[in-house]
Amino acid sequence: MNMLLNFRNRVLHKLSVILPGGYTIRPGLHRLRGVRIGKNVWISQKVYIDELHPKAVSIGDNCTIGLRTSIFTHLYW
């Protein structure tokens, strides 16, 4: 089961890197992965949010995450 969840997480992450929709699709895909994302959040393309522990990431309301940003948590989880 854990392997299936890891695979699902990786697929959703890869889709969020390339698909359009900074206010809609990308935040939605990251929410499905377990990332806590507030309202009115824009996520640019090629944003890397930790694949190992997405549930450790919390993004507040009214945030913008720019192109090629990386957010890692697995070193501190």
Protein backbone atom coordinates (compact mmCIF):
# COMPACT_ATOMS: atom_id res chain seq x y z
CA MET A 1 0.00 0.00 0.00
CA ASN A 2 2.82 2.40 0.84
CA MET A 3 4.38 1.86 -2.59
CA LEU A 4 1.05 2.70 -4.24
CA LEU A 5 0.75 5.93 -2.24
CA ASN A 6 4.32 6.89 -3.11
CA PHE A 7 3.65 6.25 -6.79
CA ARG A 8 0.43 8.32 -6.67
CA ASN A 9 2.28 11.13 -4.90
CA ARG A 10 5.04 11.17 -7.52
CA VAL A 11 2.57 11.18 -10.43
CA LEU A 12 0.59 14.07 -8.93
CA HIS A 13 3.81 15.97 -8.29
CA LYS A 14 5.08 15.46 -11.86
CA LEU A 15 1.73 16.67 -13.23
CA SER A 16 1.79 19.75 -10.99
CA VAL A 17 5.21 20.70 -12.38
CA ILE A 18 4.07 20.82 -16.03
CA LEU A 19 0.33 21.55 -16.08
CA PRO A 20 -1.08 25.09 -16.29
CA GLY A 21 -3.38 26.61 -13.69
CA GLY A 22 -1.39 28.41 -11.01
CA TYR A 23 -4.54 29.25 -9.01
CA THR A 24 -6.52 26.09 -9.75
CA ILE A 25 -4.88 22.93 -11.05
CA ARG A 26 -1.45 23.06 -9.43
CA PRO A 27 -2.65 23.93 -5.90
CA GLY A 28 -5.35 21.27 -6.25
CA LEU A 29 -2.84 18.59 -7.20
CA HIS A 30 -0.62 19.50 -4.27
CA ARG A 31 -3.63 19.37 -1.93
CA LEU A 32 -4.35 15.84 -3.18
CA ARG A 33 -0.75 14.98 -2.24
CA GLY A 34 -1.36 16.22 1.32
CA VAL A 35 0.16 19.71 1.18
CA ARG A 36 -1.89 22.15 3.28
CA ILE A 37 -2.58 25.15 1.06
CA GLY A 38 -4.61 28.21 2.03
CA LYS A 39 -6.92 30.36 -0.08
CA ASN A 40 -5.80 32.51 -3.00
CA VAL A 41 -2.46 30.74 -3.52
CA TRP A 42 -0.66 30.90 -6.87
CA ILE A 43 1.98 28.27 -7.67
CA SER A 44 4.21 28.80 -10.70
CA GLN A 45 5.47 26.09 -13.03
CA LYS A 46 8.48 23.94 -12.13
CA VAL A 47 7.88 24.31 -8.38
CA TYR A 48 9.22 21.38 -6.35
CA ILE A 49 7.38 20.65 -3.09
CA ASP A 50 8.85 17.81 -1.07
CA GLU A 51 7.89 14.39 -2.46
CA LEU A 52 8.83 12.45 0.67
CA HIS A 53 6.75 14.36 3.24
CA PRO A 54 4.22 16.62 1.51
CA LYS A 55 2.04 16.62 4.64
CA ALA A 56 4.80 18.54 6.44
CA VAL A 57 4.34 21.54 4.11
CA SER A 58 1.89 24.28 5.00
CA ILE A 59 1.33 27.30 2.75
CA GLY A 60 -0.80 30.14 4.12
CA ASP A 61 -3.43 32.34 2.47
CA ASN A 62 -2.59 34.88 -0.25
CA CYS A 63 0.82 33.40 -1.13
CA THR A 64 2.70 33.36 -4.41
CA ILE A 65 5.36 30.74 -5.10
CA GLY A 66 7.61 31.73 -7.99
CA LEU A 67 9.17 29.84 -10.87
CA ARG A 68 11.64 27.07 -9.96
CA THR A 69 11.11 27.33 -6.22
CA SER A 70 12.00 24.29 -4.10
CA ILE A 71 10.44 23.54 -0.71
CA PHE A 72 12.10 20.73 1.25
CA THR A 73 11.02 19.35 4.61
CA HIS A 74 12.42 15.83 4.71
CA LEU A 75 15.65 16.92 6.40
CA TYR A 76 13.68 18.19 9.41
CA TRP A 77 10.66 15.88 9.49
